[in-house]
Amino acid sequence: WPFTAPVFFPITEAIPGIPEYAGYA
């Protein structure tokens, strides 16, 4: 989302593969 991306985008860049981790969970 454009208005929250500055806060959360760095997290998703630092943790690649979030969808894979959701699948493992």
PDBML (XML) file of the C-alpha atoms, coordinates in Angstrom:
<?xml version="1.0" encoding="UTF-8" ?>
<PDBx:datablock datablockName="MODEL"
   xmlns:PDBx="http://pdbml.pdb.org/schema/pdbx-v50.xsd"
   xmlns:xsi="http://www.w3.org/2001/XMLSchema-instance"
   xsi:schemaLocation="http://pdbml.pdb.org/schema/pdbx-v50.xsd pdbx-v50.xsd">
   <PDBx:atom_siteCategory>
      <PDBx:atom_site id="1">
         <PDBx:B_iso_or_equiv>0.00</PDBx:B_iso_or_equiv>
         <PDBx:Cartn_x>0.000</PDBx:Cartn_x>
         <PDBx:Cartn_y>0.000</PDBx:Cartn_y>
         <PDBx:Cartn_z>0.000</PDBx:Cartn_z>
         <PDBx:auth_asym_id>A</PDBx:auth_asym_id>
         <PDBx:auth_atom_id>CA</PDBx:auth_atom_id>
         <PDBx:auth_comp_id>TRP</PDBx:auth_comp_id>
         <PDBx:auth_seq_id>1</PDBx:auth_seq_id>
         <PDBx:group_PDB>ATOM</PDBx:group_PDB>
         <PDBx:label_alt_id xsi:nil="true" />
         <PDBx:label_asym_id>A</PDBx:label_asym_id>
         <PDBx:label_atom_id>CA</PDBx:label_atom_id>
         <PDBx:label_comp_id>TRP</PDBx:label_comp_id>
         <PDBx:label_entity_id>1</PDBx:label_entity_id>
         <PDBx:label_seq_id>1</PDBx:label_seq_id>
         <PDBx:occupancy>1.00</PDBx:occupancy>
         <PDBx:pdbx_PDB_model_num>1</PDBx:pdbx_PDB_model_num>
         <PDBx:type_symbol>C</PDBx:type_symbol>
      </PDBx:atom_site>
      <PDBx:atom_site id="2">
         <PDBx:B_iso_or_equiv>0.00</PDBx:B_iso_or_equiv>
         <PDBx:Cartn_x>1.446</PDBx:Cartn_x>
         <PDBx:Cartn_y>3.387</PDBx:Cartn_y>
         <PDBx:Cartn_z>-0.994</PDBx:Cartn_z>
         <PDBx:auth_asym_id>A</PDBx:auth_asym_id>
         <PDBx:auth_atom_id>CA</PDBx:auth_atom_id>
         <PDBx:auth_comp_id>PRO</PDBx:auth_comp_id>
         <PDBx:auth_seq_id>2</PDBx:auth_seq_id>
         <PDBx:group_PDB>ATOM</PDBx:group_PDB>
         <PDBx:label_alt_id xsi:nil="true" />
         <PDBx:label_asym_id>A</PDBx:label_asym_id>
         <PDBx:label_atom_id>CA</PDBx:label_atom_id>
         <PDBx:label_comp_id>PRO</PDBx:label_comp_id>
         <PDBx:label_entity_id>1</PDBx:label_entity_id>
         <PDBx:label_seq_id>2</PDBx:label_seq_id>
         <PDBx:occupancy>1.00</PDBx:occupancy>
         <PDBx:pdbx_PDB_model_num>1</PDBx:pdbx_PDB_model_num>
         <PDBx:type_symbol>C</PDBx:type_symbol>
      </PDBx:atom_site>
      <PDBx:atom_site id="3">
         <PDBx:B_iso_or_equiv>0.00</PDBx:B_iso_or_equiv>
         <PDBx:Cartn_x>0.783</PDBx:Cartn_x>
         <PDBx:Cartn_y>5.141</PDBx:Cartn_y>
         <PDBx:Cartn_z>2.334</PDBx:Cartn_z>
         <PDBx:auth_asym_id>A</PDBx:auth_asym_id>
         <PDBx:auth_atom_id>CA</PDBx:auth_atom_id>
         <PDBx:auth_comp_id>PHE</PDBx:auth_comp_id>
         <PDBx:auth_seq_id>3</PDBx:auth_seq_id>
         <PDBx:group_PDB>ATOM</PDBx:group_PDB>
         <PDBx:label_alt_id xsi:nil="true" />
         <PDBx:label_asym_id>A</PDBx:label_asym_id>
         <PDBx:label_atom_id>CA</PDBx:label_atom_id>
         <PDBx:label_comp_id>PHE</PDBx:label_comp_id>
         <PDBx:label_entity_id>1</PDBx:label_entity_id>
         <PDBx:label_seq_id>3</PDBx:label_seq_id>
         <PDBx:occupancy>1.00</PDBx:occupancy>
         <PDBx:pdbx_PDB_model_num>1</PDBx:pdbx_PDB_model_num>
         <PDBx:type_symbol>C</PDBx:type_symbol>
      </PDBx:atom_site>
      <PDBx:atom_site id="4">
         <PDBx:B_iso_or_equiv>0.00</PDBx:B_iso_or_equiv>
         <PDBx:Cartn_x>2.329</PDBx:Cartn_x>
         <PDBx:Cartn_y>2.377</PDBx:Cartn_y>
         <PDBx:Cartn_z>4.494</PDBx:Cartn_z>
         <PDBx:auth_asym_id>A</PDBx:auth_asym_id>
         <PDBx:auth_atom_id>CA</PDBx:auth_atom_id>
         <PDBx:auth_comp_id>THR</PDBx:auth_comp_id>
         <PDBx:auth_seq_id>4</PDBx:auth_seq_id>
         <PDBx:group_PDB>ATOM</PDBx:group_PDB>
         <PDBx:label_alt_id xsi:nil="true" />
         <PDBx:label_asym_id>A</PDBx:label_asym_id>
         <PDBx:label_atom_id>CA</PDBx:label_atom_id>
         <PDBx:label_comp_id>THR</PDBx:label_comp_id>
         <PDBx:label_entity_id>1</PDBx:label_entity_id>
         <PDBx:label_seq_id>4</PDBx:label_seq_id>
         <PDBx:occupancy>1.00</PDBx:occupancy>
         <PDBx:pdbx_PDB_model_num>1</PDBx:pdbx_PDB_model_num>
         <PDBx:type_symbol>C</PDBx:type_symbol>
      </PDBx:atom_site>
      <PDBx:atom_site id="5">
         <PDBx:B_iso_or_equiv>0.00</PDBx:B_iso_or_equiv>
         <PDBx:Cartn_x>5.053</PDBx:Cartn_x>
         <PDBx:Cartn_y>1.204</PDBx:Cartn_y>
         <PDBx:Cartn_z>2.128</PDBx:Cartn_z>
         <PDBx:auth_asym_id>A</PDBx:auth_asym_id>
         <PDBx:auth_atom_id>CA</PDBx:auth_atom_id>
         <PDBx:auth_comp_id>ALA</PDBx:auth_comp_id>
         <PDBx:auth_seq_id>5</PDBx:auth_seq_id>
         <PDBx:group_PDB>ATOM</PDBx:group_PDB>
         <PDBx:label_alt_id xsi:nil="true" />
         <PDBx:label_asym_id>A</PDBx:label_asym_id>
         <PDBx:label_atom_id>CA</PDBx:label_atom_id>
         <PDBx:label_comp_id>ALA</PDBx:label_comp_id>
         <PDBx:label_entity_id>1</PDBx:label_entity_id>
         <PDBx:label_seq_id>5</PDBx:label_seq_id>
         <PDBx:occupancy>1.00</PDBx:occupancy>
         <PDBx:pdbx_PDB_model_num>1</PDBx:pdbx_PDB_model_num>
         <PDBx:type_symbol>C</PDBx:type_symbol>
      </PDBx:atom_site>
      <PDBx:atom_site id="6">
         <PDBx:B_iso_or_equiv>0.00</PDBx:B_iso_or_equiv>
         <PDBx:Cartn_x>7.799</PDBx:Cartn_x>
         <PDBx:Cartn_y>3.448</PDBx:Cartn_y>
         <PDBx:Cartn_z>3.605</PDBx:Cartn_z>
         <PDBx:auth_asym_id>A</PDBx:auth_asym_id>
         <PDBx:auth_atom_id>CA</PDBx:auth_atom_id>
         <PDBx:auth_comp_id>PRO</PDBx:auth_comp_id>
         <PDBx:auth_seq_id>6</PDBx:auth_seq_id>
         <PDBx:group_PDB>ATOM</PDBx:group_PDB>
         <PDBx:label_alt_id xsi:nil="true" />
         <PDBx:label_asym_id>A</PDBx:label_asym_id>
         <PDBx:label_atom_id>CA</PDBx:label_atom_id>
         <PDBx:label_comp_id>PRO</PDBx:label_comp_id>
         <PDBx:label_entity_id>1</PDBx:label_entity_id>
         <PDBx:label_seq_id>6</PDBx:label_seq_id>
         <PDBx:occupancy>1.00</PDBx:occupancy>
         <PDBx:pdbx_PDB_model_num>1</PDBx:pdbx_PDB_model_num>
         <PDBx:type_symbol>C</PDBx:type_symbol>
      </PDBx:atom_site>
      <PDBx:atom_site id="7">
         <PDBx:B_iso_or_equiv>0.00</PDBx:B_iso_or_equiv>
         <PDBx:Cartn_x>7.392</PDBx:Cartn_x>
         <PDBx:Cartn_y>1.669</PDBx:Cartn_y>
         <PDBx:Cartn_z>6.947</PDBx:Cartn_z>
         <PDBx:auth_asym_id>A</PDBx:auth_asym_id>
         <PDBx:auth_atom_id>CA</PDBx:auth_atom_id>
         <PDBx:auth_comp_id>VAL</PDBx:auth_comp_id>
         <PDBx:auth_seq_id>7</PDBx:auth_seq_id>
         <PDBx:group_PDB>ATOM</PDBx:group_PDB>
         <PDBx:label_alt_id xsi:nil="true" />
         <PDBx:label_asym_id>A</PDBx:label_asym_id>
         <PDBx:label_atom_id>CA</PDBx:label_atom_id>
         <PDBx:label_comp_id>VAL</PDBx:label_comp_id>
         <PDBx:label_entity_id>1</PDBx:label_entity_id>
         <PDBx:label_seq_id>7</PDBx:label_seq_id>
         <PDBx:occupancy>1.00</PDBx:occupancy>
         <PDBx:pdbx_PDB_model_num>1</PDBx:pdbx_PDB_model_num>
         <PDBx:type_symbol>C</PDBx:type_symbol>
      </PDBx:atom_site>
      <PDBx:atom_site id="8">
         <PDBx:B_iso_or_equiv>0.00</PDBx:B_iso_or_equiv>
         <PDBx:Cartn_x>6.756</PDBx:Cartn_x>
         <PDBx:Cartn_y>-1.928</PDBx:Cartn_y>
         <PDBx:Cartn_z>5.851</PDBx:Cartn_z>
         <PDBx:auth_asym_id>A</PDBx:auth_asym_id>
         <PDBx:auth_atom_id>CA</PDBx:auth_atom_id>
         <PDBx:auth_comp_id>PHE</PDBx:auth_comp_id>
         <PDBx:auth_seq_id>8</PDBx:auth_seq_id>
         <PDBx:group_PDB>ATOM</PDBx:group_PDB>
         <PDBx:label_alt_id xsi:nil="true" />
         <PDBx:label_asym_id>A</PDBx:label_asym_id>
         <PDBx:label_atom_id>CA</PDBx:label_atom_id>
         <PDBx:label_comp_id>PHE</PDBx:label_comp_id>
         <PDBx:label_entity_id>1</PDBx:label_entity_id>
         <PDBx:label_seq_id>8</PDBx:label_seq_id>
         <PDBx:occupancy>1.00</PDBx:occupancy>
         <PDBx:pdbx_PDB_model_num>1</PDBx:pdbx_PDB_model_num>
         <PDBx:type_symbol>C</PDBx:type_symbol>
      </PDBx:atom_site>
      <PDBx:atom_site id="9">
         <PDBx:B_iso_or_equiv>0.00</PDBx:B_iso_or_equiv>
         <PDBx:Cartn_x>8.602</PDBx:Cartn_x>
         <PDBx:Cartn_y>-2.206</PDBx:Cartn_y>
         <PDBx:Cartn_z>2.529</PDBx:Cartn_z>
         <PDBx:auth_asym_id>A</PDBx:auth_asym_id>
         <PDBx:auth_atom_id>CA</PDBx:auth_atom_id>
         <PDBx:auth_comp_id>PHE</PDBx:auth_comp_id>
         <PDBx:auth_seq_id>9</PDBx:auth_seq_id>
         <PDBx:group_PDB>ATOM</PDBx:group_PDB>
         <PDBx:label_alt_id xsi:nil="true" />
         <PDBx:label_asym_id>A</PDBx:label_asym_id>
         <PDBx:label_atom_id>CA</PDBx:label_atom_id>
         <PDBx:label_comp_id>PHE</PDBx:label_comp_id>
         <PDBx:label_entity_id>1</PDBx:label_entity_id>
         <PDBx:label_seq_id>9</PDBx:label_seq_id>
         <PDBx:occupancy>1.00</PDBx:occupancy>
         <PDBx:pdbx_PDB_model_num>1</PDBx:pdbx_PDB_model_num>
         <PDBx:type_symbol>C</PDBx:type_symbol>
      </PDBx:atom_site>
      <PDBx:atom_site id="10">
         <PDBx:B_iso_or_equiv>0.00</PDBx:B_iso_or_equiv>
         <PDBx:Cartn_x>12.038</PDBx:Cartn_x>
         <PDBx:Cartn_y>-2.276</PDBx:Cartn_y>
         <PDBx:Cartn_z>4.225</PDBx:Cartn_z>
         <PDBx:auth_asym_id>A</PDBx:auth_asym_id>
         <PDBx:auth_atom_id>CA</PDBx:auth_atom_id>
         <PDBx:auth_comp_id>PRO</PDBx:auth_comp_id>
         <PDBx:auth_seq_id>10</PDBx:auth_seq_id>
         <PDBx:group_PDB>ATOM</PDBx:group_PDB>
         <PDBx:label_alt_id xsi:nil="true" />
         <PDBx:label_asym_id>A</PDBx:label_asym_id>
         <PDBx:label_atom_id>CA</PDBx:label_atom_id>
         <PDBx:label_comp_id>PRO</PDBx:label_comp_id>
         <PDBx:label_entity_id>1</PDBx:label_entity_id>
         <PDBx:label_seq_id>10</PDBx:label_seq_id>
         <PDBx:occupancy>1.00</PDBx:occupancy>
         <PDBx:pdbx_PDB_model_num>1</PDBx:pdbx_PDB_model_num>
         <PDBx:type_symbol>C</PDBx:type_symbol>
      </PDBx:atom_site>
      <PDBx:atom_site id="11">
         <PDBx:B_iso_or_equiv>0.00</PDBx:B_iso_or_equiv>
         <PDBx:Cartn_x>10.831</PDBx:Cartn_x>
         <PDBx:Cartn_y>-5.219</PDBx:Cartn_y>
         <PDBx:Cartn_z>6.340</PDBx:Cartn_z>
         <PDBx:auth_asym_id>A</PDBx:auth_asym_id>
         <PDBx:auth_atom_id>CA</PDBx:auth_atom_id>
         <PDBx:auth_comp_id>ILE</PDBx:auth_comp_id>
         <PDBx:auth_seq_id>11</PDBx:auth_seq_id>
         <PDBx:group_PDB>ATOM</PDBx:group_PDB>
         <PDBx:label_alt_id xsi:nil="true" />
         <PDBx:label_asym_id>A</PDBx:label_asym_id>
         <PDBx:label_atom_id>CA</PDBx:label_atom_id>
         <PDBx:label_comp_id>ILE</PDBx:label_comp_id>
         <PDBx:label_entity_id>1</PDBx:label_entity_id>
         <PDBx:label_seq_id>11</PDBx:label_seq_id>
         <PDBx:occupancy>1.00</PDBx:occupancy>
         <PDBx:pdbx_PDB_model_num>1</PDBx:pdbx_PDB_model_num>
         <PDBx:type_symbol>C</PDBx:type_symbol>
      </PDBx:atom_site>
      <PDBx:atom_site id="12">
         <PDBx:B_iso_or_equiv>0.00</PDBx:B_iso_or_equiv>
         <PDBx:Cartn_x>9.786</PDBx:Cartn_x>
         <PDBx:Cartn_y>-7.215</PDBx:Cartn_y>
         <PDBx:Cartn_z>3.287</PDBx:Cartn_z>
         <PDBx:auth_asym_id>A</PDBx:auth_asym_id>
         <PDBx:auth_atom_id>CA</PDBx:auth_atom_id>
         <PDBx:auth_comp_id>THR</PDBx:auth_comp_id>
         <PDBx:auth_seq_id>12</PDBx:auth_seq_id>
         <PDBx:group_PDB>ATOM</PDBx:group_PDB>
         <PDBx:label_alt_id xsi:nil="true" />
         <PDBx:label_asym_id>A</PDBx:label_asym_id>
         <PDBx:label_atom_id>CA</PDBx:label_atom_id>
         <PDBx:label_comp_id>THR</PDBx:label_comp_id>
         <PDBx:label_entity_id>1</PDBx:label_entity_id>
         <PDBx:label_seq_id>12</PDBx:label_seq_id>
         <PDBx:occupancy>1.00</PDBx:occupancy>
         <PDBx:pdbx_PDB_model_num>1</PDBx:pdbx_PDB_model_num>
         <PDBx:type_symbol>C</PDBx:type_symbol>
      </PDBx:atom_site>
      <PDBx:atom_site id="13">
         <PDBx:B_iso_or_equiv>0.00</PDBx:B_iso_or_equiv>
         <PDBx:Cartn_x>13.074</PDBx:Cartn_x>
         <PDBx:Cartn_y>-6.388</PDBx:Cartn_y>
         <PDBx:Cartn_z>1.575</PDBx:Cartn_z>
         <PDBx:auth_asym_id>A</PDBx:auth_asym_id>
         <PDBx:auth_atom_id>CA</PDBx:auth_atom_id>
         <PDBx:auth_comp_id>GLU</PDBx:auth_comp_id>
         <PDBx:auth_seq_id>13</PDBx:auth_seq_id>
         <PDBx:group_PDB>ATOM</PDBx:group_PDB>
         <PDBx:label_alt_id xsi:nil="true" />
         <PDBx:label_asym_id>A</PDBx:label_asym_id>
         <PDBx:label_atom_id>CA</PDBx:label_atom_id>
         <PDBx:label_comp_id>GLU</PDBx:label_comp_id>
         <PDBx:label_entity_id>1</PDBx:label_entity_id>
         <PDBx:label_seq_id>13</PDBx:label_seq_id>
         <PDBx:occupancy>1.00</PDBx:occupancy>
         <PDBx:pdbx_PDB_model_num>1</PDBx:pdbx_PDB_model_num>
         <PDBx:type_symbol>C</PDBx:type_symbol>
      </PDBx:atom_site>
      <PDBx:atom_site id="14">
         <PDBx:B_iso_or_equiv>0.00</PDBx:B_iso_or_equiv>
         <PDBx:Cartn_x>15.042</PDBx:Cartn_x>
         <PDBx:Cartn_y>-7.514</PDBx:Cartn_y>
         <PDBx:Cartn_z>4.644</PDBx:Cartn_z>
         <PDBx:auth_asym_id>A</PDBx:auth_asym_id>
         <PDBx:auth_atom_id>CA</PDBx:auth_atom_id>
         <PDBx:auth_comp_id>ALA</PDBx:auth_comp_id>
         <PDBx:auth_seq_id>14</PDBx:auth_seq_id>
         <PDBx:group_PDB>ATOM</PDBx:group_PDB>
         <PDBx:label_alt_id xsi:nil="true" />
         <PDBx:label_asym_id>A</PDBx:label_asym_id>
         <PDBx:label_atom_id>CA</PDBx:label_atom_id>
         <PDBx:label_comp_id>ALA</PDBx:label_comp_id>
         <PDBx:label_entity_id>1</PDBx:label_entity_id>
         <PDBx:label_seq_id>14</PDBx:label_seq_id>
         <PDBx:occupancy>1.00</PDBx:occupancy>
         <PDBx:pdbx_PDB_model_num>1</PDBx:pdbx_PDB_model_num>
         <PDBx:type_symbol>C</PDBx:type_symbol>
      </PDBx:atom_site>
      <PDBx:atom_site id="15">
         <PDBx:B_iso_or_equiv>0.00</PDBx:B_iso_or_equiv>
         <PDBx:Cartn_x>13.061</PDBx:Cartn_x>
         <PDBx:Cartn_y>-10.772</PDBx:Cartn_y>
         <PDBx:Cartn_z>4.871</PDBx:Cartn_z>
         <PDBx:auth_asym_id>A</PDBx:auth_asym_id>
         <PDBx:auth_atom_id>CA</PDBx:auth_atom_id>
         <PDBx:auth_comp_id>ILE</PDBx:auth_comp_id>
         <PDBx:auth_seq_id>15</PDBx:auth_seq_id>
         <PDBx:group_PDB>ATOM</PDBx:group_PDB>
         <PDBx:label_alt_id xsi:nil="true" />
         <PDBx:label_asym_id>A</PDBx:label_asym_id>
         <PDBx:label_atom_id>CA</PDBx:label_atom_id>
         <PDBx:label_comp_id>ILE</PDBx:label_comp_id>
         <PDBx:label_entity_id>1</PDBx:label_entity_id>
         <PDBx:label_seq_id>15</PDBx:label_seq_id>
         <PDBx:occupancy>1.00</PDBx:occupancy>
         <PDBx:pdbx_PDB_model_num>1</PDBx:pdbx_PDB_model_num>
         <PDBx:type_symbol>C</PDBx:type_symbol>
      </PDBx:atom_site>
      <PDBx:atom_site id="16">
         <PDBx:B_iso_or_equiv>0.00</PDBx:B_iso_or_equiv>
         <PDBx:Cartn_x>12.834</PDBx:Cartn_x>
         <PDBx:Cartn_y>-12.223</PDBx:Cartn_y>
         <PDBx:Cartn_z>1.366</PDBx:Cartn_z>
         <PDBx:auth_asym_id>A</PDBx:auth_asym_id>
         <PDBx:auth_atom_id>CA</PDBx:auth_atom_id>
         <PDBx:auth_comp_id>PRO</PDBx:auth_comp_id>
         <PDBx:auth_seq_id>16</PDBx:auth_seq_id>
         <PDBx:group_PDB>ATOM</PDBx:group_PDB>
         <PDBx:label_alt_id xsi:nil="true" />
         <PDBx:label_asym_id>A</PDBx:label_asym_id>
         <PDBx:label_atom_id>CA</PDBx:label_atom_id>
         <PDBx:label_comp_id>PRO</PDBx:label_comp_id>
         <PDBx:label_entity_id>1</PDBx:label_entity_id>
         <PDBx:label_seq_id>16</PDBx:label_seq_id>
         <PDBx:occupancy>1.00</PDBx:occupancy>
         <PDBx:pdbx_PDB_model_num>1</PDBx:pdbx_PDB_model_num>
         <PDBx:type_symbol>C</PDBx:type_symbol>
      </PDBx:atom_site>
      <PDBx:atom_site id="17">
         <PDBx:B_iso_or_equiv>0.00</PDBx:B_iso_or_equiv>
         <PDBx:Cartn_x>10.333</PDBx:Cartn_x>
         <PDBx:Cartn_y>-14.982</PDBx:Cartn_y>
         <PDBx:Cartn_z>0.856</PDBx:Cartn_z>
         <PDBx:auth_asym_id>A</PDBx:auth_asym_id>
         <PDBx:auth_atom_id>CA</PDBx:auth_atom_id>
         <PDBx:auth_comp_id>GLY</PDBx:auth_comp_id>
         <PDBx:auth_seq_id>17</PDBx:auth_seq_id>
         <PDBx:group_PDB>ATOM</PDBx:group_PDB>
         <PDBx:label_alt_id xsi:nil="true" />
         <PDBx:label_asym_id>A</PDBx:label_asym_id>
         <PDBx:label_atom_id>CA</PDBx:label_atom_id>
         <PDBx:label_comp_id>GLY</PDBx:label_comp_id>
         <PDBx:label_entity_id>1</PDBx:label_entity_id>
         <PDBx:label_seq_id>17</PDBx:label_seq_id>
         <PDBx:occupancy>1.00</PDBx:occupancy>
         <PDBx:pdbx_PDB_model_num>1</PDBx:pdbx_PDB_model_num>
         <PDBx:type_symbol>C</PDBx:type_symbol>
      </PDBx:atom_site>
      <PDBx:atom_site id="18">
         <PDBx:B_iso_or_equiv>0.00</PDBx:B_iso_or_equiv>
         <PDBx:Cartn_x>7.583</PDBx:Cartn_x>
         <PDBx:Cartn_y>-13.929</PDBx:Cartn_y>
         <PDBx:Cartn_z>3.268</PDBx:Cartn_z>
         <PDBx:auth_asym_id>A</PDBx:auth_asym_id>
         <PDBx:auth_atom_id>CA</PDBx:auth_atom_id>
         <PDBx:auth_comp_id>ILE</PDBx:auth_comp_id>
         <PDBx:auth_seq_id>18</PDBx:auth_seq_id>
         <PDBx:group_PDB>ATOM</PDBx:group_PDB>
         <PDBx:label_alt_id xsi:nil="true" />
         <PDBx:label_asym_id>A</PDBx:label_asym_id>
         <PDBx:label_atom_id>CA</PDBx:label_atom_id>
         <PDBx:label_comp_id>ILE</PDBx:label_comp_id>
         <PDBx:label_entity_id>1</PDBx:label_entity_id>
         <PDBx:label_seq_id>18</PDBx:label_seq_id>
         <PDBx:occupancy>1.00</PDBx:occupancy>
         <PDBx:pdbx_PDB_model_num>1</PDBx:pdbx_PDB_model_num>
         <PDBx:type_symbol>C</PDBx:type_symbol>
      </PDBx:atom_site>
      <PDBx:atom_site id="19">
         <PDBx:B_iso_or_equiv>0.00</PDBx:B_iso_or_equiv>
         <PDBx:Cartn_x>5.006</PDBx:Cartn_x>
         <PDBx:Cartn_y>-15.893</PDBx:Cartn_y>
         <PDBx:Cartn_z>1.223</PDBx:Cartn_z>
         <PDBx:auth_asym_id>A</PDBx:auth_asym_id>
         <PDBx:auth_atom_id>CA</PDBx:auth_atom_id>
         <PDBx:auth_comp_id>PRO</PDBx:auth_comp_id>
         <PDBx:auth_seq_id>19</PDBx:auth_seq_id>
         <PDBx:group_PDB>ATOM</PDBx:group_PDB>
         <PDBx:label_alt_id xsi:nil="true" />
         <PDBx:label_asym_id>A</PDBx:label_asym_id>
         <PDBx:label_atom_id>CA</PDBx:label_atom_id>
         <PDBx:label_comp_id>PRO</PDBx:label_comp_id>
         <PDBx:label_entity_id>1</PDBx:label_entity_id>
         <PDBx:label_seq_id>19</PDBx:label_seq_id>
         <PDBx:occupancy>1.00</PDBx:occupancy>
         <PDBx:pdbx_PDB_model_num>1</PDBx:pdbx_PDB_model_num>
         <PDBx:type_symbol>C</PDBx:type_symbol>
      </PDBx:atom_site>
      <PDBx:atom_site id="20">
         <PDBx:B_iso_or_equiv>0.00</PDBx:B_iso_or_equiv>
         <PDBx:Cartn_x>7.190</PDBx:Cartn_x>
         <PDBx:Cartn_y>-19.007</PDBx:Cartn_y>
         <PDBx:Cartn_z>1.537</PDBx:Cartn_z>
         <PDBx:auth_asym_id>A</PDBx:auth_asym_id>
         <PDBx:auth_atom_id>CA</PDBx:auth_atom_id>
         <PDBx:auth_comp_id>GLU</PDBx:auth_comp_id>
         <PDBx:auth_seq_id>20</PDBx:auth_seq_id>
         <PDBx:group_PDB>ATOM</PDBx:group_PDB>
         <PDBx:label_alt_id xsi:nil="true" />
         <PDBx:label_asym_id>A</PDBx:label_asym_id>
         <PDBx:label_atom_id>CA</PDBx:label_atom_id>
         <PDBx:label_comp_id>GLU</PDBx:label_comp_id>
         <PDBx:label_entity_id>1</PDBx:label_entity_id>
         <PDBx:label_seq_id>20</PDBx:label_seq_id>
         <PDBx:occupancy>1.00</PDBx:occupancy>
         <PDBx:pdbx_PDB_model_num>1</PDBx:pdbx_PDB_model_num>
         <PDBx:type_symbol>C</PDBx:type_symbol>
      </PDBx:atom_site>
      <PDBx:atom_site id="21">
         <PDBx:B_iso_or_equiv>0.00</PDBx:B_iso_or_equiv>
         <PDBx:Cartn_x>7.389</PDBx:Cartn_x>
         <PDBx:Cartn_y>-18.556</PDBx:Cartn_y>
         <PDBx:Cartn_z>5.316</PDBx:Cartn_z>
         <PDBx:auth_asym_id>A</PDBx:auth_asym_id>
         <PDBx:auth_atom_id>CA</PDBx:auth_atom_id>
         <PDBx:auth_comp_id>TYR</PDBx:auth_comp_id>
         <PDBx:auth_seq_id>21</PDBx:auth_seq_id>
         <PDBx:group_PDB>ATOM</PDBx:group_PDB>
         <PDBx:label_alt_id xsi:nil="true" />
         <PDBx:label_asym_id>A</PDBx:label_asym_id>
         <PDBx:label_atom_id>CA</PDBx:label_atom_id>
         <PDBx:label_comp_id>TYR</PDBx:label_comp_id>
         <PDBx:label_entity_id>1</PDBx:label_entity_id>
         <PDBx:label_seq_id>21</PDBx:label_seq_id>
         <PDBx:occupancy>1.00</PDBx:occupancy>
         <PDBx:pdbx_PDB_model_num>1</PDBx:pdbx_PDB_model_num>
         <PDBx:type_symbol>C</PDBx:type_symbol>
      </PDBx:atom_site>
      <PDBx:atom_site id="22">
         <PDBx:B_iso_or_equiv>0.00</PDBx:B_iso_or_equiv>
         <PDBx:Cartn_x>3.601</PDBx:Cartn_x>
         <PDBx:Cartn_y>-18.245</PDBx:Cartn_y>
         <PDBx:Cartn_z>5.436</PDBx:Cartn_z>
         <PDBx:auth_asym_id>A</PDBx:auth_asym_id>
         <PDBx:auth_atom_id>CA</PDBx:auth_atom_id>
         <PDBx:auth_comp_id>ALA</PDBx:auth_comp_id>
         <PDBx:auth_seq_id>22</PDBx:auth_seq_id>
         <PDBx:group_PDB>ATOM</PDBx:group_PDB>
         <PDBx:label_alt_id xsi:nil="true" />
         <PDBx:label_asym_id>A</PDBx:label_asym_id>
         <PDBx:label_atom_id>CA</PDBx:label_atom_id>
         <PDBx:label_comp_id>ALA</PDBx:label_comp_id>
         <PDBx:label_entity_id>1</PDBx:label_entity_id>
         <PDBx:label_seq_id>22</PDBx:label_seq_id>
         <PDBx:occupancy>1.00</PDBx:occupancy>
         <PDBx:pdbx_PDB_model_num>1</PDBx:pdbx_PDB_model_num>
         <PDBx:type_symbol>C</PDBx:type_symbol>
      </PDBx:atom_site>
      <PDBx:atom_site id="23">
         <PDBx:B_iso_or_equiv>0.00</PDBx:B_iso_or_equiv>
         <PDBx:Cartn_x>3.428</PDBx:Cartn_x>
         <PDBx:Cartn_y>-21.543</PDBx:Cartn_y>
         <PDBx:Cartn_z>3.517</PDBx:Cartn_z>
         <PDBx:auth_asym_id>A</PDBx:auth_asym_id>
         <PDBx:auth_atom_id>CA</PDBx:auth_atom_id>
         <PDBx:auth_comp_id>GLY</PDBx:auth_comp_id>
         <PDBx:auth_seq_id>23</PDBx:auth_seq_id>
         <PDBx:group_PDB>ATOM</PDBx:group_PDB>
         <PDBx:label_alt_id xsi:nil="true" />
         <PDBx:label_asym_id>A</PDBx:label_asym_id>
         <PDBx:label_atom_id>CA</PDBx:label_atom_id>
         <PDBx:label_comp_id>GLY</PDBx:label_comp_id>
         <PDBx:label_entity_id>1</PDBx:label_entity_id>
         <PDBx:label_seq_id>23</PDBx:label_seq_id>
         <PDBx:occupancy>1.00</PDBx:occupancy>
         <PDBx:pdbx_PDB_model_num>1</PDBx:pdbx_PDB_model_num>
         <PDBx:type_symbol>C</PDBx:type_symbol>
      </PDBx:atom_site>
      <PDBx:atom_site id="24">
         <PDBx:B_iso_or_equiv>0.00</PDBx:B_iso_or_equiv>
         <PDBx:Cartn_x>5.826</PDBx:Cartn_x>
         <PDBx:Cartn_y>-23.224</PDBx:Cartn_y>
         <PDBx:Cartn_z>5.946</PDBx:Cartn_z>
         <PDBx:auth_asym_id>A</PDBx:auth_asym_id>
         <PDBx:auth_atom_id>CA</PDBx:auth_atom_id>
         <PDBx:auth_comp_id>TYR</PDBx:auth_comp_id>
         <PDBx:auth_seq_id>24</PDBx:auth_seq_id>
         <PDBx:group_PDB>ATOM</PDBx:group_PDB>
         <PDBx:label_alt_id xsi:nil="true" />
         <PDBx:label_asym_id>A</PDBx:label_asym_id>
         <PDBx:label_atom_id>CA</PDBx:label_atom_id>
         <PDBx:label_comp_id>TYR</PDBx:label_comp_id>
         <PDBx:label_entity_id>1</PDBx:label_entity_id>
         <PDBx:label_seq_id>24</PDBx:label_seq_id>
         <PDBx:occupancy>1.00</PDBx:occupancy>
         <PDBx:pdbx_PDB_model_num>1</PDBx:pdbx_PDB_model_num>
         <PDBx:type_symbol>C</PDBx:type_symbol>
      </PDBx:atom_site>
      <PDBx:atom_site id="25">
         <PDBx:B_iso_or_equiv>0.00</PDBx:B_iso_or_equiv>
         <PDBx:Cartn_x>3.721</PDBx:Cartn_x>
         <PDBx:Cartn_y>-21.955</PDBx:Cartn_y>
         <PDBx:Cartn_z>8.849</PDBx:Cartn_z>
         <PDBx:auth_asym_id>A</PDBx:auth_asym_id>
         <PDBx:auth_atom_id>CA</PDBx:auth_atom_id>
         <PDBx:auth_comp_id>ALA</PDBx:auth_comp_id>
         <PDBx:auth_seq_id>25</PDBx:auth_seq_id>
         <PDBx:group_PDB>ATOM</PDBx:group_PDB>
         <PDBx:label_alt_id xsi:nil="true" />
         <PDBx:label_asym_id>A</PDBx:label_asym_id>
         <PDBx:label_atom_id>CA</PDBx:label_atom_id>
         <PDBx:label_comp_id>ALA</PDBx:label_comp_id>
         <PDBx:label_entity_id>1</PDBx:label_entity_id>
         <PDBx:label_seq_id>25</PDBx:label_seq_id>
         <PDBx:occupancy>1.00</PDBx:occupancy>
         <PDBx:pdbx_PDB_model_num>1</PDBx:pdbx_PDB_model_num>
         <PDBx:type_symbol>C</PDBx:type_symbol>
      </PDBx:atom_site>
   </PDBx:atom_siteCategory>
</PDBx:datablock>
